PDB file of N, CA and C in Angstrom:
ATOM      1  N   MET A   1     358.366 -30.022  74.018  1.00  0.00           N
ATOM      2  CA  MET A   1     357.986 -30.356  75.372  1.00  0.00           C
ATOM      3  C   MET A   1     357.950 -29.111  76.247  1.00  0.00           C
ATOM      4  N   ASP A   2     358.915 -28.235  76.034  1.00  0.00           N
ATOM      5  CA  ASP A   2     358.955 -27.000  76.793  1.00  0.00           C
ATOM      6  C   ASP A   2     357.665 -26.202  76.624  1.00  0.00           C
ATOM      7  N   TYR A   3     357.146 -26.185  75.390  1.00  0.00           N
ATOM      8  CA  TYR A   3     355.933 -25.439  75.105  1.00  0.00           C
ATOM      9  C   TYR A   3     354.758 -25.971  75.925  1.00  0.00           C
ATOM     10  N   VAL A   4     354.627 -27.277  76.023  1.00  0.00           N
ATOM     11  CA  VAL A   4     353.520 -27.886  76.755  1.00  0.00           C
ATOM     12  C   VAL A   4     353.609 -27.517  78.229  1.00  0.00           C
ATOM     13  N   ALA A   5     354.805 -27.592  78.788  1.00  0.00           N
ATOM     14  CA  ALA A   5     354.983 -27.238  80.194  1.00  0.00           C
ATOM     15  C   ALA A   5     354.669 -25.760  80.424  1.00  0.00           C
ATOM     16  N   GLN A   6     355.142 -24.900  79.551  1.00  0.00           N
ATOM     17  CA  GLN A   6     354.870 -23.467  79.686  1.00  0.00           C
ATOM     18  C   GLN A   6     353.376 -23.173  79.569  1.00  0.00           C
ATOM     19  N   LEU A   7     352.722 -23.837  78.632  1.00  0.00           N
ATOM     20  CA  LEU A   7     351.286 -23.653  78.451  1.00  0.00           C
ATOM     21  C   LEU A   7     350.528 -24.119  79.690  1.00  0.00           C
ATOM     22  N   PHE A   8     350.900 -25.267  80.222  1.00  0.00           N
ATOM     23  CA  PHE A   8     350.240 -25.793  81.413  1.00  0.00           C
ATOM     24  C   PHE A   8     350.401 -24.830  82.590  1.00  0.00           C
ATOM     25  N   LEU A   9     351.612 -24.347  82.820  1.00  0.00           N
ATOM     26  CA  LEU A   9     351.848 -23.424  83.933  1.00  0.00           C
ATOM     27  C   LEU A   9     351.094 -22.110  83.737  1.00  0.00           C
ATOM     28  N   LYS A  10     351.065 -21.608  82.522  1.00  0.00           N
ATOM     29  CA  LYS A  10     350.333 -20.372  82.226  1.00  0.00           C
ATOM     30  C   LYS A  10     348.838 -20.579  82.465  1.00  0.00           C
ATOM     31  N   GLY A  11     348.303 -21.708  82.018  1.00  0.00           N
ATOM     32  CA  GLY A  11     346.887 -22.001  82.216  1.00  0.00           C
ATOM     33  C   GLY A  11     346.525 -22.233  83.666  1.00  0.00           C
ATOM     34  N   CYS A  12     347.453 -22.763  84.434  1.00  0.00           N
ATOM     35  CA  CYS A  12     347.201 -22.979  85.860  1.00  0.00           C
ATOM     36  C   CYS A  12     347.118 -21.662  86.617  1.00  0.00           C
ATOM     37  N   LYS A  13     347.769 -20.631  86.107  1.00  0.00           N
ATOM     38  CA  LYS A  13     347.671 -19.313  86.739  1.00  0.00           C
ATOM     39  C   LYS A  13     346.324 -18.668  86.443  1.00  0.00           C
ATOM     40  N   SER A  14     345.902 -18.731  85.193  1.00  0.00           N
ATOM     41  CA  SER A  14     344.617 -18.146  84.796  1.00  0.00           C
ATOM     42  C   SER A  14     344.190 -18.752  83.468  1.00  0.00           C
ATOM     43  N   PHE A  15     343.178 -19.588  83.525  1.00  0.00           N
ATOM     44  CA  PHE A  15     342.685 -20.219  82.310  1.00  0.00           C
ATOM     45  C   PHE A  15     342.076 -19.184  81.370  1.00  0.00           C
ATOM     46  N   SER A  16     341.365 -18.207  81.933  1.00  0.00           N
ATOM     47  CA  SER A  16     340.697 -17.208  81.094  1.00  0.00           C
ATOM     48  C   SER A  16     341.678 -16.255  80.413  1.00  0.00           C
ATOM     49  N   ALA A  17     342.912 -16.167  80.912  1.00  0.00           N
ATOM     50  CA  ALA A  17     343.904 -15.284  80.300  1.00  0.00           C
ATOM     51  C   ALA A  17     344.511 -15.896  79.034  1.00  0.00           C
ATOM     52  N   LEU A  18     344.237 -17.170  78.792  1.00  0.00           N
ATOM     53  CA  LEU A  18     344.767 -17.831  77.603  1.00  0.00           C
ATOM     54  C   LEU A  18     343.994 -17.405  76.364  1.00  0.00           C
ATOM     55  N   ASN A  19     344.651 -17.413  75.209  1.00  0.00           N
ATOM     56  CA  ASN A  19     343.917 -17.148  73.971  1.00  0.00           C
ATOM     57  C   ASN A  19     343.129 -18.410  73.598  1.00  0.00           C
ATOM     58  N   VAL A  20     342.331 -18.336  72.577  1.00  0.00           N
ATOM     59  CA  VAL A  20     341.434 -19.430  72.203  1.00  0.00           C
ATOM     60  C   VAL A  20     342.189 -20.730  71.951  1.00  0.00           C
ATOM     61  N   LEU A  21     343.257 -20.681  71.205  1.00  0.00           N
ATOM     62  CA  LEU A  21     344.031 -21.885  70.899  1.00  0.00           C
ATOM     63  C   LEU A  21     344.691 -22.449  72.154  1.00  0.00           C
ATOM     64  N   GLU A  22     345.227 -21.570  72.999  1.00  0.00           N
ATOM     65  CA  GLU A  22     345.846 -22.017  74.248  1.00  0.00           C
ATOM     66  C   GLU A  22     344.809 -22.651  75.180  1.00  0.00           C
ATOM     67  N   ARG A  23     343.604 -22.062  75.240  1.00  0.00           N
ATOM     68  CA  ARG A  23     342.537 -22.646  76.082  1.00  0.00           C
ATOM     69  C   ARG A  23     342.175 -24.041  75.595  1.00  0.00           C
ATOM     70  N   LEU A  24     342.117 -24.213  74.297  1.00  0.00           N
ATOM     71  CA  LEU A  24     341.820 -25.529  73.747  1.00  0.00           C
ATOM     72  C   LEU A  24     342.899 -26.533  74.168  1.00  0.00           C
ATOM     73  N   ARG A  25     344.144 -26.171  73.964  1.00  0.00           N
ATOM     74  CA  ARG A  25     345.249 -27.083  74.293  1.00  0.00           C
ATOM     75  C   ARG A  25     345.345 -27.346  75.797  1.00  0.00           C
ATOM     76  N   CYS A  26     345.270 -26.297  76.584  1.00  0.00           N
ATOM     77  CA  CYS A  26     345.371 -26.466  78.035  1.00  0.00           C
ATOM     78  C   CYS A  26     344.160 -27.234  78.564  1.00  0.00           C
ATOM     79  N   GLY A  27     342.995 -26.954  78.005  1.00  0.00           N
ATOM     80  CA  GLY A  27     341.785 -27.687  78.395  1.00  0.00           C
ATOM     81  C   GLY A  27     341.929 -29.180  78.137  1.00  0.00           C
ATOM     82  N   LEU A  28     342.550 -29.531  77.025  1.00  0.00           N
ATOM     83  CA  LEU A  28     342.777 -30.952  76.730  1.00  0.00           C
ATOM     84  C   LEU A  28     343.747 -31.569  77.732  1.00  0.00           C
ATOM     85  N   LEU A  29     344.778 -30.823  78.113  1.00  0.00           N
ATOM     86  CA  LEU A  29     345.711 -31.323  79.125  1.00  0.00           C
ATOM     87  C   LEU A  29     344.986 -31.571  80.449  1.00  0.00           C
ATOM     88  N   LEU A  30     344.205 -30.587  80.887  1.00  0.00           N
ATOM     89  CA  LEU A  30     343.480 -30.724  82.148  1.00  0.00           C
ATOM     90  C   LEU A  30     342.448 -31.849  82.071  1.00  0.00           C
ATOM     91  N   ARG A  31     341.770 -31.947  80.933  1.00  0.00           N
ATOM     92  CA  ARG A  31     340.780 -33.019  80.756  1.00  0.00           C
ATOM     93  C   ARG A  31     341.456 -34.390  80.892  1.00  0.00           C
ATOM     94  N   ASN A  32     342.627 -34.537  80.280  1.00  0.00           N
ATOM     95  CA  ASN A  32     343.357 -35.807  80.390  1.00  0.00           C
ATOM     96  C   ASN A  32     343.744 -36.102  81.839  1.00  0.00           C
ATOM     97  N   MET A  33     344.202 -35.084  82.542  1.00  0.00           N
ATOM     98  CA  MET A  33     344.616 -35.287  83.937  1.00  0.00           C
ATOM     99  C   MET A  33     343.431 -35.671  84.818  1.00  0.00           C
ATOM    100  N   PHE A  34     342.326 -34.928  84.677  1.00  0.00           N
ATOM    101  CA  PHE A  34     341.159 -35.238  85.498  1.00  0.00           C
ATOM    102  C   PHE A  34     340.513 -36.551  85.073  1.00  0.00           C
ATOM    103  N   SER A  35     340.526 -36.845  83.789  1.00  0.00           N
ATOM    104  CA  SER A  35     339.950 -38.104  83.318  1.00  0.00           C
ATOM    105  C   SER A  35     340.749 -39.298  83.843  1.00  0.00           C
ATOM    106  N   SER A  36     342.056 -39.202  83.788  1.00  0.00           N
ATOM    107  CA  SER A  36     342.903 -40.264  84.340  1.00  0.00           C
ATOM    108  C   SER A  36     342.680 -40.403  85.840  1.00  0.00           C
ATOM    109  N   SER A  37     342.558 -39.270  86.516  1.00  0.00           N
ATOM    110  CA  SER A  37     342.322 -39.298  87.960  1.00  0.00           C
ATOM    111  C   SER A  37     340.969 -39.914  88.274  1.00  0.00           C
ATOM    112  N   GLN A  38     339.969 -39.576  87.476  1.00  0.00           N
ATOM    113  CA  GLN A  38     338.651 -40.162  87.693  1.00  0.00           C
ATOM    114  C   GLN A  38     338.706 -41.676  87.517  1.00  0.00           C
ATOM    115  N   GLY A  39     339.391 -42.142  86.478  1.00  0.00           N
ATOM    116  CA  GLY A  39     339.520 -43.579  86.260  1.00  0.00           C
ATOM    117  C   GLY A  39     340.187 -44.266  87.435  1.00  0.00           C
ATOM    118  N   GLY A  40     341.249 -43.654  87.953  1.00  0.00           N
ATOM    119  CA  GLY A  40     341.936 -44.207  89.117  1.00  0.00           C
ATOM    120  C   GLY A  40     341.056 -44.209  90.349  1.00  0.00           C
ATOM    121  N   TYR A  41     340.296 -43.149  90.520  1.00  0.00           N
ATOM    122  CA  TYR A  41     339.402 -43.047  91.678  1.00  0.00           C
ATOM    123  C   TYR A  41     338.319 -44.113  91.621  1.00  0.00           C
ATOM    124  N   ILE A  42     337.718 -44.286  90.454  1.00  0.00           N
ATOM    125  CA  ILE A  42     336.648 -45.288  90.307  1.00  0.00           C
ATOM    126  C   ILE A  42     337.216 -46.690  90.514  1.00  0.00           C
ATOM    127  N   ARG A  43     338.391 -46.964  89.979  1.00  0.00           N
ATOM    128  CA  ARG A  43     339.018 -48.274  90.212  1.00  0.00           C
ATOM    129  C   ARG A  43     339.286 -48.488  91.693  1.00  0.00           C
ATOM    130  N   GLN A  44     339.752 -47.433  92.343  1.00  0.00           N
ATOM    131  CA  GLN A  44     340.033 -47.514  93.773  1.00  0.00           C
ATOM    132  C   GLN A  44     338.757 -47.822  94.548  1.00  0.00           C
ATOM    133  N   LEU A  45     337.655 -47.194  94.159  1.00  0.00           N
ATOM    134  CA  LEU A  45     336.377 -47.456  94.838  1.00  0.00           C
ATOM    135  C   LEU A  45     335.870 -48.870  94.577  1.00  0.00           C
ATOM    136  N   SER A  46     335.928 -49.279  93.336  1.00  0.00           N
ATOM    137  CA  SER A  46     335.309 -50.550  92.969  1.00  0.00           C
ATOM    138  C   SER A  46     336.166 -51.759  93.293  1.00  0.00           C
ATOM    139  N   ALA A  47     337.486 -51.623  93.260  1.00  0.00           N
ATOM    140  CA  ALA A  47     338.350 -52.781  93.479  1.00  0.00           C
ATOM    141  C   ALA A  47     339.028 -52.754  94.843  1.00  0.00           C
ATOM    142  N   ARG A  48     338.780 -51.719  95.587  1.00  0.00           N
ATOM    143  CA  ARG A  48     339.420 -51.577  96.898  1.00  0.00           C
ATOM    144  C   ARG A  48     340.936 -51.740  96.789  1.00  0.00           C
ATOM    145  N   LEU A  49     341.527 -50.998  95.867  1.00  0.00           N
ATOM    146  CA  LEU A  49     342.959 -51.100  95.623  1.00  0.00           C
ATOM    147  C   LEU A  49     343.794 -50.327  96.644  1.00  0.00           C
ATOM    148  N   ASP A  50     343.145 -49.722  97.600  1.00  0.00           N
ATOM    149  CA  ASP A  50     343.860 -48.908  98.578  1.00  0.00           C
ATOM    150  C   ASP A  50     343.565 -49.429  99.981  1.00  0.00           C
ATOM    151  N   PRO A  51     343.977 -50.661 100.304  1.00  0.00           N
ATOM    152  CA  PRO A  51     343.606 -51.265 101.581  1.00  0.00           C
ATOM    153  C   PRO A  51     344.170 -50.547 102.797  1.00  0.00           C
ATOM    154  N   ASP A  52     345.266 -49.839 102.628  1.00  0.00           N
ATOM    155  CA  ASP A  52     345.856 -49.122 103.761  1.00  0.00           C
ATOM    156  C   ASP A  52     345.293 -47.717 103.909  1.00  0.00           C
ATOM    157  N   ASP A  53     344.314 -47.390 103.080  1.00  0.00           N
ATOM    158  CA  ASP A  53     343.686 -46.068 103.105  1.00  0.00           C
ATOM    159  C   ASP A  53     344.723 -44.965 102.941  1.00  0.00           C
ATOM    160  N   SER A  54     345.669 -45.190 102.034  1.00  0.00           N
ATOM    161  CA  SER A  54     346.665 -44.157 101.760  1.00  0.00           C
ATOM    162  C   SER A  54     346.024 -43.055 100.929  1.00  0.00           C
ATOM    163  N   GLU A  55     346.791 -42.074 100.609  1.00  0.00           N
ATOM    164  CA  GLU A  55     346.256 -40.901  99.910  1.00  0.00           C
ATOM    165  C   GLU A  55     345.684 -41.238  98.538  1.00  0.00           C
ATOM    166  N   GLY A  56     346.256 -42.212  97.871  1.00  0.00           N
ATOM    167  CA  GLY A  56     345.739 -42.591  96.563  1.00  0.00           C
ATOM    168  C   GLY A  56     345.737 -41.424  95.602  1.00  0.00           C
ATOM    169  N   ILE A  57     344.654 -41.272  94.875  1.00  0.00           N
ATOM    170  CA  ILE A  57     344.548 -40.266  93.830  1.00  0.00           C
ATOM    171  C   ILE A  57     344.374 -38.849  94.399  1.00  0.00           C
ATOM    172  N   GLY A  58     344.096 -38.750  95.701  1.00  0.00           N
ATOM    173  CA  GLY A  58     343.878 -37.449  96.324  1.00  0.00           C
ATOM    174  C   GLY A  58     345.031 -36.486  96.156  1.00  0.00           C
ATOM    175  N   GLY A  59     346.259 -36.983  96.239  1.00  0.00           N
ATOM    176  CA  GLY A  59     347.427 -36.116  96.073  1.00  0.00           C
ATOM    177  C   GLY A  59     347.518 -35.519  94.686  1.00  0.00           C
ATOM    178  N   VAL A  60     347.149 -36.300  93.689  1.00  0.00           N
ATOM    179  CA  VAL A  60     347.166 -35.805  92.304  1.00  0.00           C
ATOM    180  C   VAL A  60     346.132 -34.695  92.153  1.00  0.00           C
ATOM    181  N   ILE A  61     344.935 -34.947  92.657  1.00  0.00           N
ATOM    182  CA  ILE A  61     343.862 -33.949  92.570  1.00  0.00           C
ATOM    183  C   ILE A  61     344.265 -32.677  93.319  1.00  0.00           C
ATOM    184  N   ASP A  62     344.797 -32.845  94.528  1.00  0.00           N
ATOM    185  CA  ASP A  62     345.198 -31.681  95.318  1.00  0.00           C
ATOM    186  C   ASP A  62     346.237 -30.840  94.587  1.00  0.00           C
ATOM    187  N   SER A  63     347.184 -31.497  93.905  1.00  0.00           N
ATOM    188  CA  SER A  63     348.228 -30.746  93.203  1.00  0.00           C
ATOM    189  C   SER A  63     347.654 -29.954  92.027  1.00  0.00           C
ATOM    190  N   LEU A  64     346.539 -30.410  91.474  1.00  0.00           N
ATOM    191  CA  LEU A  64     345.877 -29.647  90.412  1.00  0.00           C
ATOM    192  C   LEU A  64     345.017 -28.524  90.994  1.00  0.00           C
ATOM    193  N   LEU A  65     344.328 -28.812  92.099  1.00  0.00           N
ATOM    194  CA  LEU A  65     343.373 -27.860  92.649  1.00  0.00           C
ATOM    195  C   LEU A  65     344.002 -26.625  93.289  1.00  0.00           C
ATOM    196  N   VAL A  66     345.287 -26.650  93.581  1.00  0.00           N
ATOM    197  CA  VAL A  66     345.929 -25.458  94.154  1.00  0.00           C
ATOM    198  C   VAL A  66     346.104 -24.364  93.112  1.00  0.00           C
ATOM    199  N   ASN A  67     345.851 -24.676  91.861  1.00  0.00           N
ATOM    200  CA  ASN A  67     346.047 -23.726  90.770  1.00  0.00           C
ATOM    201  C   ASN A  67     344.734 -23.042  90.400  1.00  0.00           C
ATOM    202  N   PRO A  68     344.692 -21.709  90.471  1.00  0.00           N
ATOM    203  CA  PRO A  68     343.456 -20.991  90.140  1.00  0.00           C
ATOM    204  C   PRO A  68     342.938 -21.299  88.732  1.00  0.00           C
ATOM    205  N   GLY A  69     343.844 -21.434  87.776  1.00  0.00           N
ATOM    206  CA  GLY A  69     343.423 -21.730  86.400  1.00  0.00           C
ATOM    207  C   GLY A  69     342.760 -23.089  86.294  1.00  0.00           C
ATOM    208  N   ALA A  70     343.285 -24.080  87.015  1.00  0.00           N
ATOM    209  CA  ALA A  70     342.681 -25.414  87.012  1.00  0.00           C
ATOM    210  C   ALA A  70     341.310 -25.374  87.671  1.00  0.00           C
ATOM    211  N   GLN A  71     341.175 -24.605  88.750  1.00  0.00           N
ATOM    212  CA  GLN A  71     339.872 -24.452  89.406  1.00  0.00           C
ATOM    213  C   GLN A  71     338.868 -23.799  88.463  1.00  0.00           C
ATOM    214  N   GLU A  72     339.330 -22.788  87.753  1.00  0.00           N
ATOM    215  CA  GLU A  72     338.487 -22.069  86.796  1.00  0.00           C
ATOM    216  C   GLU A  72     337.996 -23.020  85.702  1.00  0.00           C
ATOM    217  N   TRP A  73     338.910 -23.812  85.158  1.00  0.00           N
ATOM    218  CA  TRP A  73     338.549 -24.781  84.119  1.00  0.00           C
ATOM    219  C   TRP A  73     337.588 -25.821  84.667  1.00  0.00           C
ATOM    220  N   LEU A  74     337.881 -26.320  85.854  1.00  0.00           N
ATOM    221  CA  LEU A  74     337.068 -27.369  86.455  1.00  0.00           C
ATOM    222  C   LEU A  74     335.636 -26.893  86.715  1.00  0.00           C
ATOM    223  N   ALA A  75     335.480 -25.652  87.149  1.00  0.00           N
ATOM    224  CA  ALA A  75     334.143 -25.114  87.422  1.00  0.00           C
ATOM    225  C   ALA A  75     333.253 -25.182  86.181  1.00  0.00           C
ATOM    226  N   LYS A  76     333.846 -24.991  85.023  1.00  0.00           N
ATOM    227  CA  LYS A  76     333.082 -25.031  83.775  1.00  0.00           C
ATOM    228  C   LYS A  76     332.854 -26.456  83.278  1.00  0.00           C
ATOM    229  N   ASN A  77     333.707 -27.378  83.686  1.00  0.00           N
ATOM    230  CA  ASN A  77     333.657 -28.737  83.143  1.00  0.00           C
ATOM    231  C   ASN A  77     333.221 -29.792  84.154  1.00  0.00           C
ATOM    232  N   ALA A  78     332.956 -29.412  85.387  1.00  0.00           N
ATOM    233  CA  ALA A  78     332.577 -30.372  86.433  1.00  0.00           C
ATOM    234  C   ALA A  78     331.364 -31.230  86.075  1.00  0.00           C
ATOM    235  N   PRO A  79     330.371 -30.707  85.371  1.00  0.00           N
ATOM    236  CA  PRO A  79     329.209 -31.551  85.053  1.00  0.00           C
ATOM    237  C   PRO A  79     329.535 -32.782  84.208  1.00  0.00           C
ATOM    238  N   GLU A  80     330.697 -32.805  83.578  1.00  0.00           N
ATOM    239  CA  GLU A  80     331.064 -33.930  82.724  1.00  0.00           C
ATOM    240  C   GLU A  80     331.541 -35.148  83.517  1.00  0.00           C
ATOM    241  N   TRP A  81     331.847 -34.967  84.805  1.00  0.00           N
ATOM    242  CA  TRP A  81     332.435 -36.038  85.596  1.00  0.00           C
ATOM    243  C   TRP A  81     331.359 -36.850  86.314  1.00  0.00           C
ATOM    244  N   ARG A  82     331.683 -38.089  86.612  1.00  0.00           N
ATOM    245  CA  ARG A  82     330.759 -38.951  87.348  1.00  0.00           C
ATOM    246  C   ARG A  82     330.458 -38.314  88.698  1.00  0.00           C
ATOM    247  N   PRO A  83     329.230 -38.448  89.193  1.00  0.00           N
ATOM    248  CA  PRO A  83     328.850 -37.779  90.446  1.00  0.00           C
ATOM    249  C   PRO A  83     329.769 -38.091  91.622  1.00  0.00           C
ATOM    250  N   GLU A  84     330.182 -39.348  91.779  1.00  0.00           N
ATOM    251  CA  GLU A  84     331.032 -39.686  92.917  1.00  0.00           C
ATOM    252  C   GLU A  84     332.417 -39.045  92.800  1.00  0.00           C
ATOM    253  N   PHE A  85     332.926 -38.901  91.578  1.00  0.00           N
ATOM    254  CA  PHE A  85     334.214 -38.242  91.390  1.00  0.00           C
ATOM    255  C   PHE A  85     334.057 -36.741  91.605  1.00  0.00           C
ATOM    256  N   ARG A  86     332.990 -36.162  91.103  1.00  0.00           N
ATOM    257  CA  ARG A  86     332.724 -34.727  91.296  1.00  0.00           C
ATOM    258  C   ARG A  86     332.637 -34.404  92.793  1.00  0.00           C
ATOM    259  N   GLU A  87     331.962 -35.256  93.548  1.00  0.00           N
ATOM    260  CA  GLU A  87     331.838 -35.057  94.993  1.00  0.00           C
ATOM    261  C   GLU A  87     333.223 -35.135  95.660  1.00  0.00           C
ATOM    262  N   PHE A  88     334.025 -36.117  95.243  1.00  0.00           N
ATOM    263  CA  PHE A  88     335.375 -36.277  95.773  1.00  0.00           C
ATOM    264  C   PHE A  88     336.209 -35.025  95.509  1.00  0.00           C
ATOM    265  N   VAL A  89     336.175 -34.526  94.285  1.00  0.00           N
ATOM    266  CA  VAL A  89     336.947 -33.332  93.915  1.00  0.00           C
ATOM    267  C   VAL A  89     336.446 -32.123  94.700  1.00  0.00           C
ATOM    268  N   ASN A  90     335.135 -31.966  94.813  1.00  0.00           N
ATOM    269  CA  ASN A  90     334.581 -30.830  95.559  1.00  0.00           C
ATOM    270  C   ASN A  90     334.973 -30.878  97.034  1.00  0.00           C
ATOM    271  N   GLU A  91     335.007 -32.074  97.609  1.00  0.00           N
ATOM    272  CA  GLU A  91     335.433 -32.220  99.004  1.00  0.00           C
ATOM    273  C   GLU A  91     336.902 -31.826  99.163  1.00  0.00           C
ATOM    274  N   ARG A  92     337.740 -32.259  98.213  1.00  0.00           N
ATOM    275  CA  ARG A  92     339.172 -31.922  98.266  1.00  0.00           C
ATOM    276  C   ARG A  92     339.364 -30.410  98.107  1.00  0.00           C
ATOM    277  N   LEU A  93     338.590 -29.801  97.210  1.00  0.00           N
ATOM    278  CA  LEU A  93     338.692 -28.359  96.985  1.00  0.00           C
ATOM    279  C   LEU A  93     338.261 -27.593  98.231  1.00  0.00           C
ATOM    280  N   ALA A  94     337.154 -27.998  98.843  1.00  0.00           N
ATOM    281  CA  ALA A  94     336.672 -27.335 100.060  1.00  0.00           C
ATOM    282  C   ALA A  94     337.697 -27.469 101.184  1.00  0.00           C
ATOM    283  N   ALA A  95     338.297 -28.652 101.323  1.00  0.00           N
ATOM    284  CA  ALA A  95     339.304 -28.868 102.358  1.00  0.00           C
ATOM    285  C   ALA A  95     340.525 -27.980 102.127  1.00  0.00           C
ATOM    286  N   SER A  96     340.950 -27.840 100.878  1.00  0.00           N
ATOM    287  CA  SER A  96     342.125 -27.010 100.601  1.00  0.00           C
ATOM    288  C   SER A  96     341.828 -25.542 100.892  1.00  0.00           C
ATOM    289  N   LYS A  97     340.593 -25.119 100.646  1.00  0.00           N
ATOM    290  CA  LYS A  97     340.230 -23.724 100.934  1.00  0.00           C
ATOM    291  C   LYS A  97     340.154 -23.484 102.444  1.00  0.00           C
ATOM    292  N   ARG A  98     339.678 -24.484 103.202  1.00  0.00           N
ATOM    293  CA  ARG A  98     339.643 -24.352 104.660  1.00  0.00           C
ATOM    294  C   ARG A  98     341.064 -24.255 105.214  1.00  0.00           C
ATOM    295  N   GLU A  99     341.967 -25.068 104.683  1.00  0.00           N
ATOM    296  CA  GLU A  99     343.363 -25.055 105.140  1.00  0.00           C
ATOM    297  C   GLU A  99     344.049 -23.743 104.806  1.00  0.00           C
ATOM    298  N   ALA A 100     343.689 -23.161 103.659  1.00  0.00           N
ATOM    299  CA  ALA A 100     344.319 -21.894 103.242  1.00  0.00           C
ATOM    300  C   ALA A 100     343.842 -20.725 104.089  1.00  0.00           C
ATOM    301  N   GLY A 101     342.665 -20.848 104.684  1.00  0.00           N
ATOM    302  CA  GLY A 101     342.123 -19.766 105.500  1.00  0.00           C
ATOM    303  C   GLY A 101     341.486 -18.689 104.656  1.00  0.00           C
ATOM    304  N   PRO A 102     341.052 -17.617 105.299  1.00  0.00           N
ATOM    305  CA  PRO A 102     340.395 -16.538 104.554  1.00  0.00           C
ATOM    306  C   PRO A 102     341.353 -15.850 103.595  1.00  0.00           C
ATOM    307  N   SER A 103     340.821 -15.475 102.440  1.00  0.00           N
ATOM    308  CA  SER A 103     341.659 -14.797 101.452  1.00  0.00           C
ATOM    309  C   SER A 103     341.847 -13.344 101.837  1.00  0.00           C
ATOM    310  N   PRO A 104     343.032 -12.801 101.589  1.00  0.00           N
ATOM    311  CA  PRO A 104     343.311 -11.399 101.942  1.00  0.00           C
ATOM    312  C   PRO A 104     342.485 -10.457 101.083  1.00  0.00           C
ATOM    313  N   THR A 105     342.046  -9.388 101.674  1.00  0.00           N
ATOM    314  CA  THR A 105     341.247  -8.398 100.928  1.00  0.00           C
ATOM    315  C   THR A 105     341.964  -7.100 100.790  1.00  0.00           C
TER     316      THR A 105
END
């Protein structure tokens, strides 16, 4: 279990810094997280399971998107997601970048 957590944290820092085997494993972890999130998002849209308009799946997505490695992975894999989920993720990413402000140079 420790290995999986270490791999996830390492991949969240920089996906491209991982070796081939680590990228495969970390990519599968991220795919599972985003796939589960997409399923929850689609259910939320179709069944109106969030009547109080709470954060819902947004908090999960936000916690992934703060990681440069996850952003890097997502940029390469975004075409695989349903358009409405891709739009949702892109909106959350843009909002987090606006909140962070300009990057230091």
